[in-house]
């Protein structure tokens, strides 16, 4: 694999949605209810990504990894959404996913590097991201890239699942 990384645009929405759904199903199986994962909709995610990518005032920027004409990974980032941080100096990685067929090829690392470089270029001093407390592979990945658990926790109660997340943070330099 030798993917090209570039800024995402609205035409990438469906490819991003496909990666998003496939990665959730593979990464979160056993951590989230099967019915939630089995009922994820590429069409619904496509609509959401089209909206995010077509509204630059919304503050979400995204990059994609494209291999052989197909999106195989993406990262979305912007100003932190957390109430307990200084949003003038803290950026956030909102989402980073790689299609399971492309795992362990360095794509996630490359996407995370682009996001942190862009956040630094935009003037942020630190970046944060949220990860499921039970997602050991993701936590190991972030820690291998210099991210640390900063003690932030949140619980998102949904009708069919509870998301218990922890916040990771890295200094940008």
N, C-alpha and C. Protein backbone atom coordinates (compact mmCIF):
# COMPACT_ATOMS: atom_id res chain seq x y z
N UNK A 1 0.84 -1.19 0.00
CA UNK A 1 0.00 0.00 0.00
C UNK A 1 0.88 1.24 0.00
N UNK A 2 0.48 2.18 -0.82
CA UNK A 2 1.18 3.45 -0.88
C UNK A 2 0.15 4.56 -1.06
N UNK A 3 -0.64 4.84 -0.01
CA UNK A 3 -1.73 5.80 -0.18
C UNK A 3 -1.24 7.24 -0.30
N UNK A 4 -2.05 8.04 -0.95
CA UNK A 4 -1.86 9.48 -1.04
C UNK A 4 -2.69 10.12 0.04
N UNK A 5 -2.14 11.08 0.76
CA UNK A 5 -2.87 11.82 1.78
C UNK A 5 -3.16 13.21 1.24
N UNK A 6 -4.42 13.62 1.40
CA UNK A 6 -4.82 14.94 0.91
C UNK A 6 -6.01 15.44 1.72
N UNK A 7 -6.25 16.74 1.59
CA UNK A 7 -7.40 17.31 2.29
C UNK A 7 -8.68 16.74 1.69
N UNK A 8 -9.62 16.41 2.55
CA UNK A 8 -10.90 15.83 2.11
C UNK A 8 -11.81 16.93 1.56
N UNK A 9 -12.68 16.53 0.64
CA UNK A 9 -13.73 17.43 0.18
C UNK A 9 -15.04 16.66 0.17
N UNK A 10 -16.11 17.34 -0.17
CA UNK A 10 -17.45 16.75 -0.06
C UNK A 10 -17.59 15.48 -0.91
N UNK A 11 -16.83 15.38 -1.99
CA UNK A 11 -16.89 14.18 -2.83
C UNK A 11 -16.32 12.94 -2.14
N UNK A 12 -15.61 13.14 -1.03
CA UNK A 12 -15.05 12.02 -0.27
C UNK A 12 -16.01 11.48 0.78
N UNK A 13 -17.17 12.10 0.93
CA UNK A 13 -18.08 11.76 2.03
C UNK A 13 -18.44 10.27 2.05
N UNK A 14 -18.78 9.70 0.91
CA UNK A 14 -19.17 8.29 0.90
C UNK A 14 -17.99 7.37 1.26
N UNK A 15 -16.82 7.67 0.73
CA UNK A 15 -15.65 6.87 1.06
C UNK A 15 -15.31 6.96 2.54
N UNK A 16 -15.41 8.15 3.10
CA UNK A 16 -15.19 8.32 4.54
C UNK A 16 -16.21 7.51 5.32
N UNK A 17 -17.47 7.58 4.91
CA UNK A 17 -18.54 6.84 5.59
C UNK A 17 -18.29 5.34 5.54
N UNK A 18 -17.83 4.83 4.41
CA UNK A 18 -17.53 3.39 4.30
C UNK A 18 -16.43 2.99 5.28
N UNK A 19 -15.37 3.80 5.33
CA UNK A 19 -14.28 3.52 6.27
C UNK A 19 -14.79 3.61 7.70
N UNK A 20 -15.57 4.63 7.99
CA UNK A 20 -16.09 4.85 9.34
C UNK A 20 -16.88 3.63 9.82
N UNK A 21 -17.80 3.16 9.01
CA UNK A 21 -18.64 2.01 9.38
C UNK A 21 -17.79 0.74 9.50
N UNK A 22 -16.94 0.47 8.53
CA UNK A 22 -16.12 -0.75 8.57
C UNK A 22 -15.19 -0.75 9.78
N UNK A 23 -14.57 0.39 10.07
CA UNK A 23 -13.66 0.47 11.20
C UNK A 23 -14.39 0.31 12.53
N UNK A 24 -15.55 0.95 12.66
CA UNK A 24 -16.34 0.77 13.89
C UNK A 24 -16.69 -0.70 14.09
N UNK A 25 -17.17 -1.35 13.05
CA UNK A 25 -17.58 -2.76 13.18
C UNK A 25 -16.41 -3.65 13.58
N UNK A 26 -15.24 -3.39 13.03
CA UNK A 26 -14.09 -4.23 13.35
C UNK A 26 -13.46 -3.86 14.70
N UNK A 27 -13.30 -2.58 14.96
CA UNK A 27 -12.59 -2.15 16.17
C UNK A 27 -13.43 -2.27 17.43
N UNK A 28 -14.73 -2.04 17.32
CA UNK A 28 -15.56 -1.97 18.52
C UNK A 28 -16.38 -3.22 18.79
N UNK A 29 -16.22 -4.26 17.96
CA UNK A 29 -16.91 -5.53 18.21
C UNK A 29 -16.45 -6.06 19.56
N UNK A 30 -17.39 -6.37 20.44
CA UNK A 30 -17.07 -6.82 21.78
C UNK A 30 -16.97 -5.68 22.79
N UNK A 31 -16.92 -4.44 22.30
CA UNK A 31 -16.87 -3.27 23.18
C UNK A 31 -18.19 -2.51 23.19
N UNK A 32 -18.89 -2.59 22.06
CA UNK A 32 -20.20 -1.96 21.92
C UNK A 32 -21.18 -3.05 21.49
N UNK A 33 -22.47 -2.85 21.73
CA UNK A 33 -23.46 -3.88 21.37
C UNK A 33 -23.44 -4.23 19.88
N UNK A 34 -23.57 -5.53 19.59
CA UNK A 34 -23.59 -5.98 18.19
C UNK A 34 -24.68 -5.32 17.38
N UNK A 35 -25.88 -5.15 17.97
CA UNK A 35 -26.97 -4.55 17.19
C UNK A 35 -26.65 -3.11 16.80
N UNK A 36 -25.96 -2.37 17.65
CA UNK A 36 -25.55 -1.01 17.28
C UNK A 36 -24.61 -1.07 16.08
N UNK A 37 -23.61 -1.93 16.15
CA UNK A 37 -22.62 -2.03 15.07
C UNK A 37 -23.24 -2.57 13.79
N UNK A 38 -24.10 -3.57 13.90
CA UNK A 38 -24.71 -4.17 12.72
C UNK A 38 -25.67 -3.22 12.01
N UNK A 39 -26.20 -2.25 12.74
CA UNK A 39 -27.17 -1.33 12.16
C UNK A 39 -26.57 0.01 11.75
N UNK A 40 -25.26 0.13 11.78
CA UNK A 40 -24.64 1.36 11.28
C UNK A 40 -24.95 1.51 9.80
N UNK A 41 -25.19 2.72 9.38
CA UNK A 41 -25.60 2.98 8.01
C UNK A 41 -24.57 3.84 7.27
N UNK A 42 -24.07 3.31 6.17
CA UNK A 42 -23.16 4.09 5.33
C UNK A 42 -23.90 5.30 4.77
N UNK A 43 -25.17 5.12 4.39
CA UNK A 43 -25.94 6.24 3.84
C UNK A 43 -26.10 7.37 4.86
N UNK A 44 -26.43 7.01 6.10
CA UNK A 44 -26.59 8.03 7.15
C UNK A 44 -25.26 8.73 7.42
N UNK A 45 -24.18 7.97 7.48
CA UNK A 45 -22.87 8.58 7.72
C UNK A 45 -22.44 9.44 6.53
N UNK A 46 -22.79 9.02 5.32
CA UNK A 46 -22.47 9.83 4.14
C UNK A 46 -23.14 11.19 4.25
N UNK A 47 -24.41 11.21 4.62
CA UNK A 47 -25.14 12.48 4.76
C UNK A 47 -24.47 13.37 5.80
N UNK A 48 -24.08 12.77 6.91
CA UNK A 48 -23.43 13.55 7.98
C UNK A 48 -22.09 14.12 7.50
N UNK A 49 -21.30 13.29 6.81
CA UNK A 49 -20.00 13.77 6.32
C UNK A 49 -20.15 14.82 5.23
N UNK A 50 -21.15 14.67 4.37
CA UNK A 50 -21.40 15.71 3.35
C UNK A 50 -21.67 17.04 4.02
N UNK A 51 -22.48 17.02 5.06
CA UNK A 51 -22.80 18.25 5.78
C UNK A 51 -21.55 18.85 6.41
N UNK A 52 -20.77 18.03 7.10
CA UNK A 52 -19.54 18.52 7.76
C UNK A 52 -18.55 19.08 6.75
N UNK A 53 -18.37 18.38 5.64
CA UNK A 53 -17.35 18.78 4.66
C UNK A 53 -17.78 19.95 3.78
N UNK A 54 -19.08 20.20 3.71
CA UNK A 54 -19.54 21.30 2.87
C UNK A 54 -19.70 22.60 3.64
N UNK A 55 -19.45 22.59 4.95
CA UNK A 55 -19.62 23.78 5.78
C UNK A 55 -18.30 24.17 6.44
N UNK A 56 -17.47 24.95 5.75
CA UNK A 56 -16.18 25.31 6.34
C UNK A 56 -16.31 26.13 7.62
N UNK A 57 -17.43 26.79 7.81
CA UNK A 57 -17.62 27.59 9.03
C UNK A 57 -17.86 26.70 10.25
N UNK A 58 -18.12 25.41 10.03
CA UNK A 58 -18.37 24.49 11.13
C UNK A 58 -17.13 24.14 11.92
N UNK A 59 -15.95 24.41 11.36
CA UNK A 59 -14.72 24.21 12.10
C UNK A 59 -14.10 22.83 12.00
N UNK A 60 -14.70 21.92 11.24
CA UNK A 60 -14.12 20.59 11.08
C UNK A 60 -13.32 20.54 9.79
N UNK A 61 -12.05 20.14 9.92
CA UNK A 61 -11.21 19.90 8.76
C UNK A 61 -10.94 18.41 8.70
N UNK A 62 -10.72 17.90 7.51
CA UNK A 62 -10.47 16.46 7.37
C UNK A 62 -9.46 16.20 6.27
N UNK A 63 -8.69 15.14 6.47
CA UNK A 63 -7.78 14.63 5.46
C UNK A 63 -8.12 13.17 5.23
N UNK A 64 -7.88 12.71 4.02
CA UNK A 64 -8.12 11.31 3.68
C UNK A 64 -6.84 10.67 3.18
N UNK A 65 -6.77 9.35 3.36
CA UNK A 65 -5.75 8.53 2.73
C UNK A 65 -6.45 7.79 1.60
N UNK A 66 -5.91 7.91 0.40
CA UNK A 66 -6.52 7.30 -0.78
C UNK A 66 -5.53 6.33 -1.41
N UNK A 67 -5.99 5.09 -1.59
CA UNK A 67 -5.16 4.06 -2.20
C UNK A 67 -5.94 3.45 -3.35
N UNK A 68 -5.34 3.43 -4.51
CA UNK A 68 -5.98 2.87 -5.70
C UNK A 68 -7.36 3.48 -5.94
N UNK A 69 -7.48 4.79 -5.71
CA UNK A 69 -8.72 5.51 -5.98
C UNK A 69 -9.78 5.41 -4.90
N UNK A 70 -9.51 4.68 -3.82
CA UNK A 70 -10.49 4.50 -2.74
C UNK A 70 -9.98 5.09 -1.44
N UNK A 71 -10.89 5.74 -0.71
CA UNK A 71 -10.54 6.23 0.62
C UNK A 71 -10.31 5.02 1.52
N UNK A 72 -9.15 4.98 2.17
CA UNK A 72 -8.85 3.86 3.07
C UNK A 72 -8.64 4.34 4.50
N UNK A 73 -8.69 5.64 4.72
CA UNK A 73 -8.56 6.18 6.06
C UNK A 73 -8.87 7.66 6.05
N UNK A 74 -9.16 8.19 7.25
CA UNK A 74 -9.43 9.62 7.35
C UNK A 74 -9.16 10.09 8.77
N UNK A 75 -8.96 11.39 8.89
CA UNK A 75 -8.84 12.06 10.18
C UNK A 75 -9.61 13.37 10.09
N UNK A 76 -10.33 13.70 11.16
CA UNK A 76 -11.06 14.97 11.26
C UNK A 76 -10.62 15.67 12.53
N UNK A 77 -10.47 16.99 12.47
CA UNK A 77 -9.92 17.73 13.60
C UNK A 77 -10.36 19.18 13.54
N UNK A 78 -10.11 19.89 14.63
CA UNK A 78 -10.44 21.31 14.72
C UNK A 78 -10.22 21.80 16.14
N UNK A 79 -10.86 22.91 16.45
CA UNK A 79 -10.78 23.48 17.79
C UNK A 79 -11.45 22.53 18.78
N UNK A 80 -10.88 22.40 19.98
CA UNK A 80 -11.45 21.51 20.99
C UNK A 80 -12.89 21.88 21.30
N UNK A 81 -13.69 20.86 21.52
CA UNK A 81 -15.10 21.04 21.89
C UNK A 81 -15.31 20.91 23.39
N UNK A 82 -14.24 20.71 24.15
CA UNK A 82 -14.35 20.45 25.58
C UNK A 82 -14.46 21.75 26.38
N UNK A 83 -15.39 21.78 27.31
CA UNK A 83 -15.64 22.98 28.12
C UNK A 83 -14.52 23.24 29.12
N UNK A 84 -13.74 22.23 29.46
CA UNK A 84 -12.73 22.39 30.51
C UNK A 84 -11.33 22.70 29.99
N UNK A 85 -11.21 23.07 28.72
CA UNK A 85 -9.91 23.43 28.17
C UNK A 85 -9.99 24.82 27.55
N UNK A 86 -8.82 25.43 27.37
CA UNK A 86 -8.74 26.72 26.70
C UNK A 86 -8.80 26.47 25.19
N UNK A 87 -9.94 26.72 24.60
CA UNK A 87 -10.13 26.38 23.18
C UNK A 87 -9.31 27.26 22.25
N UNK A 88 -8.67 28.31 22.79
CA UNK A 88 -7.77 29.12 21.96
C UNK A 88 -6.43 28.41 21.76
N UNK A 89 -6.08 27.51 22.69
CA UNK A 89 -4.77 26.87 22.60
C UNK A 89 -4.83 25.35 22.44
N UNK A 90 -6.03 24.78 22.53
CA UNK A 90 -6.16 23.32 22.45
C UNK A 90 -7.02 22.93 21.25
N UNK A 91 -6.43 22.14 20.36
CA UNK A 91 -7.16 21.56 19.24
C UNK A 91 -7.59 20.15 19.60
N UNK A 92 -8.39 19.56 18.75
CA UNK A 92 -8.90 18.21 19.02
C UNK A 92 -8.92 17.38 17.74
N UNK A 93 -8.53 16.13 17.87
CA UNK A 93 -8.73 15.16 16.80
C UNK A 93 -10.09 14.53 17.08
N UNK A 94 -11.06 14.84 16.24
CA UNK A 94 -12.44 14.38 16.45
C UNK A 94 -12.62 12.91 16.09
N UNK A 95 -11.96 12.49 15.03
CA UNK A 95 -12.11 11.12 14.54
C UNK A 95 -10.89 10.75 13.72
N UNK A 96 -10.46 9.51 13.88
CA UNK A 96 -9.39 8.97 13.04
C UNK A 96 -9.67 7.48 12.88
N UNK A 97 -9.87 7.07 11.63
CA UNK A 97 -10.19 5.67 11.34
C UNK A 97 -9.51 5.24 10.06
N UNK A 98 -9.10 3.99 10.04
CA UNK A 98 -8.51 3.35 8.87
C UNK A 98 -9.32 2.10 8.59
N UNK A 99 -9.59 1.84 7.32
CA UNK A 99 -10.33 0.63 6.96
C UNK A 99 -9.54 -0.58 7.45
N UNK A 100 -10.22 -1.60 7.99
CA UNK A 100 -9.50 -2.76 8.54
C UNK A 100 -8.52 -3.42 7.56
N UNK A 101 -8.82 -3.43 6.25
CA UNK A 101 -7.88 -4.05 5.32
C UNK A 101 -6.56 -3.29 5.25
N UNK A 102 -6.56 -2.04 5.72
CA UNK A 102 -5.37 -1.21 5.64
C UNK A 102 -4.69 -1.00 7.00
N UNK A 103 -5.15 -1.72 8.02
CA UNK A 103 -4.52 -1.59 9.34
C UNK A 103 -3.07 -2.06 9.28
N UNK A 104 -2.28 -1.44 10.10
CA UNK A 104 -0.88 -1.78 10.30
C UNK A 104 0.01 -1.55 9.06
N UNK A 105 -0.37 -0.51 8.32
CA UNK A 105 0.44 -0.09 7.18
C UNK A 105 0.97 1.33 7.37
N UNK A 106 0.82 1.89 8.58
CA UNK A 106 1.32 3.24 8.85
C UNK A 106 0.38 4.36 8.48
N UNK A 107 -0.81 4.02 8.02
CA UNK A 107 -1.76 5.04 7.57
C UNK A 107 -2.30 5.85 8.74
N UNK A 108 -2.65 5.18 9.83
CA UNK A 108 -3.14 5.90 11.01
C UNK A 108 -2.09 6.86 11.54
N UNK A 109 -0.86 6.41 11.61
CA UNK A 109 0.24 7.27 12.07
C UNK A 109 0.39 8.49 11.16
N UNK A 110 0.33 8.27 9.85
CA UNK A 110 0.46 9.38 8.90
C UNK A 110 -0.69 10.37 9.04
N UNK A 111 -1.91 9.85 9.20
CA UNK A 111 -3.06 10.73 9.37
C UNK A 111 -2.99 11.52 10.68
N UNK A 112 -2.58 10.86 11.75
CA UNK A 112 -2.45 11.55 13.03
C UNK A 112 -1.37 12.63 12.96
N UNK A 113 -0.30 12.35 12.25
CA UNK A 113 0.77 13.34 12.08
C UNK A 113 0.26 14.55 11.30
N UNK A 114 -0.49 14.31 10.23
CA UNK A 114 -1.05 15.44 9.47
C UNK A 114 -1.95 16.29 10.36
N UNK A 115 -2.81 15.64 11.13
CA UNK A 115 -3.74 16.38 11.99
C UNK A 115 -2.98 17.23 13.00
N UNK A 116 -1.99 16.65 13.67
CA UNK A 116 -1.28 17.42 14.69
C UNK A 116 -0.44 18.53 14.04
N UNK A 117 0.15 18.26 12.88
CA UNK A 117 0.90 19.31 12.19
C UNK A 117 -0.02 20.46 11.78
N UNK A 118 -1.21 20.14 11.29
CA UNK A 118 -2.16 21.18 10.89
C UNK A 118 -2.65 21.97 12.11
N UNK A 119 -2.93 21.28 13.21
CA UNK A 119 -3.37 21.98 14.42
C UNK A 119 -2.26 22.90 14.93
N UNK A 120 -1.02 22.44 14.88
CA UNK A 120 0.10 23.30 15.29
C UNK A 120 0.21 24.50 14.36
N UNK A 121 0.08 24.28 13.06
CA UNK A 121 0.16 25.36 12.07
C UNK A 121 -0.94 26.39 12.32
N UNK A 122 -2.10 25.93 12.82
CA UNK A 122 -3.21 26.83 13.10
C UNK A 122 -3.04 27.57 14.44
N UNK A 123 -1.94 27.28 15.16
CA UNK A 123 -1.64 28.03 16.37
C UNK A 123 -1.98 27.35 17.68
N UNK A 124 -2.41 26.10 17.64
CA UNK A 124 -2.71 25.38 18.87
C UNK A 124 -1.42 24.88 19.52
N UNK A 125 -1.41 24.89 20.86
CA UNK A 125 -0.25 24.43 21.62
C UNK A 125 -0.35 22.96 22.00
N UNK A 126 -1.58 22.47 22.10
CA UNK A 126 -1.83 21.08 22.50
C UNK A 126 -2.98 20.53 21.66
N UNK A 127 -3.07 19.21 21.67
CA UNK A 127 -4.20 18.54 21.01
C UNK A 127 -4.72 17.45 21.94
N UNK A 128 -6.01 17.20 21.83
CA UNK A 128 -6.64 16.14 22.61
C UNK A 128 -7.43 15.24 21.66
N UNK A 129 -7.78 14.08 22.17
CA UNK A 129 -8.69 13.18 21.47
C UNK A 129 -9.34 12.29 22.53
N UNK A 130 -10.48 11.72 22.18
CA UNK A 130 -11.22 10.84 23.09
C UNK A 130 -11.18 9.42 22.55
N UNK A 131 -11.05 8.45 23.45
CA UNK A 131 -10.97 7.05 23.06
C UNK A 131 -11.81 6.24 24.05
N UNK A 132 -12.48 5.20 23.56
CA UNK A 132 -13.21 4.31 24.47
C UNK A 132 -12.25 3.73 25.50
N UNK A 133 -12.66 3.72 26.75
CA UNK A 133 -11.80 3.19 27.82
C UNK A 133 -11.40 1.74 27.57
N UNK A 134 -12.25 0.99 26.87
CA UNK A 134 -11.99 -0.43 26.63
C UNK A 134 -11.17 -0.69 25.36
N UNK A 135 -10.84 0.33 24.62
CA UNK A 135 -10.16 0.16 23.33
C UNK A 135 -8.64 0.13 23.53
N UNK A 136 -8.16 -1.00 24.02
CA UNK A 136 -6.74 -1.16 24.33
C UNK A 136 -5.83 -0.97 23.11
N UNK A 137 -6.17 -1.52 21.93
CA UNK A 137 -5.28 -1.29 20.78
C UNK A 137 -5.15 0.20 20.43
N UNK A 138 -6.24 0.94 20.48
CA UNK A 138 -6.16 2.37 20.17
C UNK A 138 -5.33 3.11 21.22
N UNK A 139 -5.53 2.76 22.49
CA UNK A 139 -4.76 3.41 23.55
C UNK A 139 -3.27 3.14 23.37
N UNK A 140 -2.91 1.91 23.04
CA UNK A 140 -1.49 1.59 22.79
C UNK A 140 -0.95 2.40 21.60
N UNK A 141 -1.77 2.52 20.54
CA UNK A 141 -1.36 3.29 19.37
C UNK A 141 -1.09 4.74 19.75
N UNK A 142 -2.04 5.38 20.43
CA UNK A 142 -1.85 6.79 20.80
C UNK A 142 -0.64 6.96 21.70
N UNK A 143 -0.48 6.08 22.68
CA UNK A 143 0.67 6.16 23.58
C UNK A 143 1.98 6.00 22.82
N UNK A 144 2.00 5.14 21.80
CA UNK A 144 3.22 4.96 21.01
C UNK A 144 3.56 6.22 20.20
N UNK A 145 2.57 7.09 20.02
CA UNK A 145 2.77 8.33 19.28
C UNK A 145 2.99 9.53 20.21
N UNK A 146 3.14 9.25 21.52
CA UNK A 146 3.46 10.31 22.47
C UNK A 146 2.26 10.92 23.19
N UNK A 147 1.06 10.41 22.95
CA UNK A 147 -0.13 10.92 23.62
C UNK A 147 -0.21 10.30 25.01
N UNK A 148 -0.78 11.07 25.96
CA UNK A 148 -0.91 10.59 27.33
C UNK A 148 -2.32 10.82 27.85
N UNK A 149 -2.79 9.92 28.68
CA UNK A 149 -4.07 10.06 29.37
C UNK A 149 -3.97 11.31 30.26
N UNK A 150 -4.88 12.28 30.05
CA UNK A 150 -4.82 13.50 30.86
C UNK A 150 -5.82 13.51 32.01
N UNK A 151 -6.50 12.37 32.22
CA UNK A 151 -7.45 12.26 33.32
C UNK A 151 -8.88 12.65 32.98
N UNK A 152 -9.09 13.23 31.81
CA UNK A 152 -10.45 13.60 31.39
C UNK A 152 -11.27 12.36 31.11
N UNK A 153 -12.51 12.36 31.59
CA UNK A 153 -13.42 11.23 31.37
C UNK A 153 -14.80 11.77 31.01
N UNK A 154 -15.52 11.02 30.19
CA UNK A 154 -16.91 11.35 29.91
C UNK A 154 -17.68 10.08 29.64
N UNK A 155 -18.97 10.16 29.90
CA UNK A 155 -19.88 9.04 29.66
C UNK A 155 -20.99 9.56 28.78
N UNK A 156 -21.19 8.92 27.65
CA UNK A 156 -22.24 9.28 26.70
C UNK A 156 -23.28 8.17 26.72
N UNK A 157 -24.41 8.45 27.33
CA UNK A 157 -25.51 7.47 27.41
C UNK A 157 -26.37 7.59 26.16
N UNK A 158 -26.50 6.51 25.45
CA UNK A 158 -27.37 6.47 24.27
C UNK A 158 -28.42 5.40 24.51
N UNK A 159 -29.51 5.41 23.75
CA UNK A 159 -30.57 4.43 24.00
C UNK A 159 -30.10 2.97 23.98
N UNK A 160 -29.10 2.67 23.14
CA UNK A 160 -28.67 1.27 23.01
C UNK A 160 -27.22 1.01 23.42
N UNK A 161 -26.57 2.01 24.02
CA UNK A 161 -25.17 1.81 24.41
C UNK A 161 -24.70 2.92 25.34
N UNK A 162 -23.70 2.60 26.12
CA UNK A 162 -23.02 3.58 26.95
C UNK A 162 -21.58 3.67 26.47
N UNK A 163 -21.16 4.87 26.15
CA UNK A 163 -19.79 5.11 25.69
C UNK A 163 -19.02 5.74 26.84
N UNK A 164 -18.07 4.99 27.40
CA UNK A 164 -17.20 5.51 28.45
C UNK A 164 -15.86 5.83 27.79
N UNK A 165 -15.52 7.12 27.80
CA UNK A 165 -14.34 7.56 27.08
C UNK A 165 -13.34 8.24 28.01
N UNK A 166 -12.10 8.19 27.59
CA UNK A 166 -11.01 8.86 28.29
C UNK A 166 -10.30 9.77 27.30
N UNK A 167 -9.75 10.86 27.82
CA UNK A 167 -9.12 11.85 26.96
C UNK A 167 -7.60 11.69 26.99
N UNK A 168 -7.02 11.74 25.79
CA UNK A 168 -5.58 11.75 25.62
C UNK A 168 -5.16 13.14 25.15
N UNK A 169 -3.93 13.51 25.47
CA UNK A 169 -3.42 14.84 25.15
C UNK A 169 -1.95 14.74 24.72
N UNK A 170 -1.56 15.66 23.83
CA UNK A 170 -0.16 15.74 23.40
C UNK A 170 0.19 17.21 23.22
N UNK A 171 1.42 17.55 23.57
CA UNK A 171 1.92 18.90 23.31
C UNK A 171 2.34 18.98 21.84
N UNK A 172 2.03 20.09 21.22
CA UNK A 172 2.40 20.30 19.82
C UNK A 172 3.65 21.18 19.79
N UNK A 173 4.66 20.76 19.06
CA UNK A 173 5.87 21.57 18.98
C UNK A 173 6.54 21.42 17.64
